[in-house]
Amino acid sequence: MIEKEGNPLPKYTVDKSGIMVMFESIFDKNDPINTGDYTKNDPVNDPVKLTAKERRDKIISLMLVNYKITRLELTKILNVSDATIKRDIEKLKKEGFIYRDGSDKSEKWLVNKTKNRM
């Protein structure tokens, strides 16, 4: 099976202390993922910047999952500033997509499910 996948066979050493099995590395030694050098630009791991609409849609989705989510949690999840989240929340409230319900200690986000986000 190992040869079928194109991988080298392991090398075995047997002595009185036991059996040692050595596997040859099949990884590219210059690839930063294998060397631990993460300073090189890797577009696969770069965060994808959402459009404002995509970000607001994500905020609504997150509020549906956790109606007590905070602005701080949203900034960390979406990797944007507090000011951006504040603007997005104000826009969503103004457009009638979300609103707050409850007292200062027990308030929660409610999503207007009858409002169409298309």
Protein backbone atom coordinates (compact mmCIF):
# COMPACT_ATOMS: atom_id res chain seq x y z
CA MET A 1 0.00 0.00 0.00
CA ILE A 2 2.82 2.42 0.86
CA GLU A 3 4.53 1.91 -2.52
CA LYS A 4 1.19 2.16 -4.31
CA GLU A 5 0.78 5.70 -2.92
CA GLY A 6 4.29 6.62 -4.11
CA ASN A 7 5.80 6.79 -0.64
CA PRO A 8 9.20 5.24 0.20
CA LEU A 9 9.23 2.06 2.25
CA PRO A 10 10.19 2.41 5.92
CA LYS A 11 13.61 1.15 7.07
CA TYR A 12 13.70 -1.42 9.86
CA THR A 13 16.50 -1.99 12.36
CA VAL A 14 16.34 -4.96 14.70
CA ASP A 15 18.68 -5.35 17.66
CA LYS A 16 18.54 -6.75 21.21
CA SER A 17 16.68 -3.64 22.49
CA GLY A 18 13.85 -3.99 19.99
CA ILE A 19 12.73 -2.94 16.56
CA MET A 20 13.17 0.58 15.20
CA VAL A 21 11.15 1.76 12.23
CA MET A 22 12.29 4.88 10.33
CA PHE A 23 10.13 6.67 7.81
CA GLU A 24 11.60 8.95 5.16
CA SER A 25 10.02 12.37 4.96
CA ILE A 26 7.89 12.89 1.86
CA PHE A 27 7.38 16.58 2.53
CA ASP A 28 9.00 19.45 0.68
CA LYS A 29 11.65 20.65 3.11
CA ASN A 30 11.49 24.20 1.65
CA ASP A 31 7.75 24.58 2.22
CA PRO A 32 7.15 26.97 5.16
CA ILE A 33 4.40 24.72 6.51
CA ASN A 34 7.04 22.01 7.07
CA THR A 35 9.87 24.25 8.31
CA GLY A 36 7.83 26.30 10.76
CA ASP A 37 8.63 29.52 8.87
CA TYR A 38 5.23 31.16 8.78
CA THR A 39 6.60 34.58 7.87
CA LYS A 40 6.28 33.84 4.16
CA ASN A 41 3.08 34.98 2.49
CA ASP A 42 0.66 32.06 2.23
CA PRO A 43 -2.55 33.17 0.50
CA VAL A 44 -4.37 30.02 1.65
CA ASN A 45 -4.10 31.13 5.29
CA ASP A 46 -4.76 34.83 4.73
CA PRO A 47 -8.12 35.87 6.16
CA VAL A 48 -10.80 36.53 3.58
CA LYS A 49 -12.20 40.02 3.87
CA LEU A 50 -16.00 39.96 3.78
CA THR A 51 -18.04 42.60 2.03
CA ALA A 52 -20.19 44.80 4.28
CA LYS A 53 -23.32 42.86 3.28
CA GLU A 54 -21.64 39.49 3.88
CA ARG A 55 -20.41 40.72 7.27
CA ARG A 56 -23.88 41.92 8.29
CA ASP A 57 -25.38 38.61 7.13
CA LYS A 58 -22.80 36.83 9.30
CA ILE A 59 -23.72 39.06 12.26
CA ILE A 60 -27.37 38.07 11.85
CA SER A 61 -26.40 34.38 11.65
CA LEU A 62 -24.29 34.68 14.79
CA MET A 63 -27.12 36.43 16.63
CA LEU A 64 -29.49 33.63 15.67
CA VAL A 65 -27.08 31.12 17.21
CA ASN A 66 -26.22 33.21 20.30
CA TYR A 67 -28.75 35.92 21.11
CA LYS A 68 -26.49 37.28 23.88
CA ILE A 69 -23.42 37.74 21.67
CA THR A 70 -21.46 40.89 22.45
CA ARG A 71 -19.85 43.44 20.15
CA LEU A 72 -16.46 42.35 21.47
CA GLU A 73 -17.17 38.73 20.50
CA LEU A 74 -18.31 39.87 17.05
CA THR A 75 -15.10 41.88 16.53
CA LYS A 76 -12.99 38.82 17.37
CA ILE A 77 -14.99 36.40 15.23
CA LEU A 78 -15.16 38.71 12.20
CA ASN A 79 -11.69 40.21 12.67
CA VAL A 80 -12.88 43.82 12.35
CA SER A 81 -12.83 46.86 14.62
CA ASP A 82 -15.43 47.69 17.24
CA ALA A 83 -16.36 50.78 15.22
CA THR A 84 -17.15 48.59 12.19
CA ILE A 85 -19.35 46.26 14.27
CA LYS A 86 -21.06 49.27 15.86
CA ARG A 87 -21.85 50.73 12.40
CA ASP A 88 -23.09 47.35 11.12
CA ILE A 89 -25.35 46.85 14.14
CA GLU A 90 -26.77 50.38 13.81
CA LYS A 91 -27.48 49.79 10.11
CA LEU A 92 -29.16 46.44 10.83
CA LYS A 93 -31.27 48.03 13.58
CA LYS A 94 -32.20 51.00 11.38
CA GLU A 95 -33.25 48.67 8.55
CA GLY A 96 -35.34 46.58 10.98
CA PHE A 97 -33.35 43.35 10.75
CA ILE A 98 -32.40 43.21 14.44
CA TYR A 99 -33.38 44.82 17.74
CA ARG A 100 -32.47 44.58 21.41
CA ASP A 101 -34.92 43.29 24.00
CA GLY A 102 -34.70 43.33 27.79
CA SER A 103 -32.97 45.23 30.55
CA ASP A 104 -29.29 46.21 30.58
CA LYS A 105 -28.31 42.99 32.38
CA SER A 106 -30.57 40.56 30.57
CA GLU A 107 -30.90 42.12 27.14
CA LYS A 108 -30.63 39.95 24.07
CA TRP A 109 -30.54 40.33 20.30
CA LEU A 110 -33.69 39.45 18.41
CA VAL A 111 -33.67 38.92 14.67
CA ASN A 112 -36.66 39.94 12.58
CA LYS A 113 -37.13 36.69 10.63
CA THR A 114 -39.89 38.20 8.50
CA LYS A 115 -37.46 40.74 7.04
CA ASN A 116 -35.89 39.52 3.78
CA ARG A 117 -32.07 39.92 3.57
CA MET A 118 -31.77 39.38 -0.21
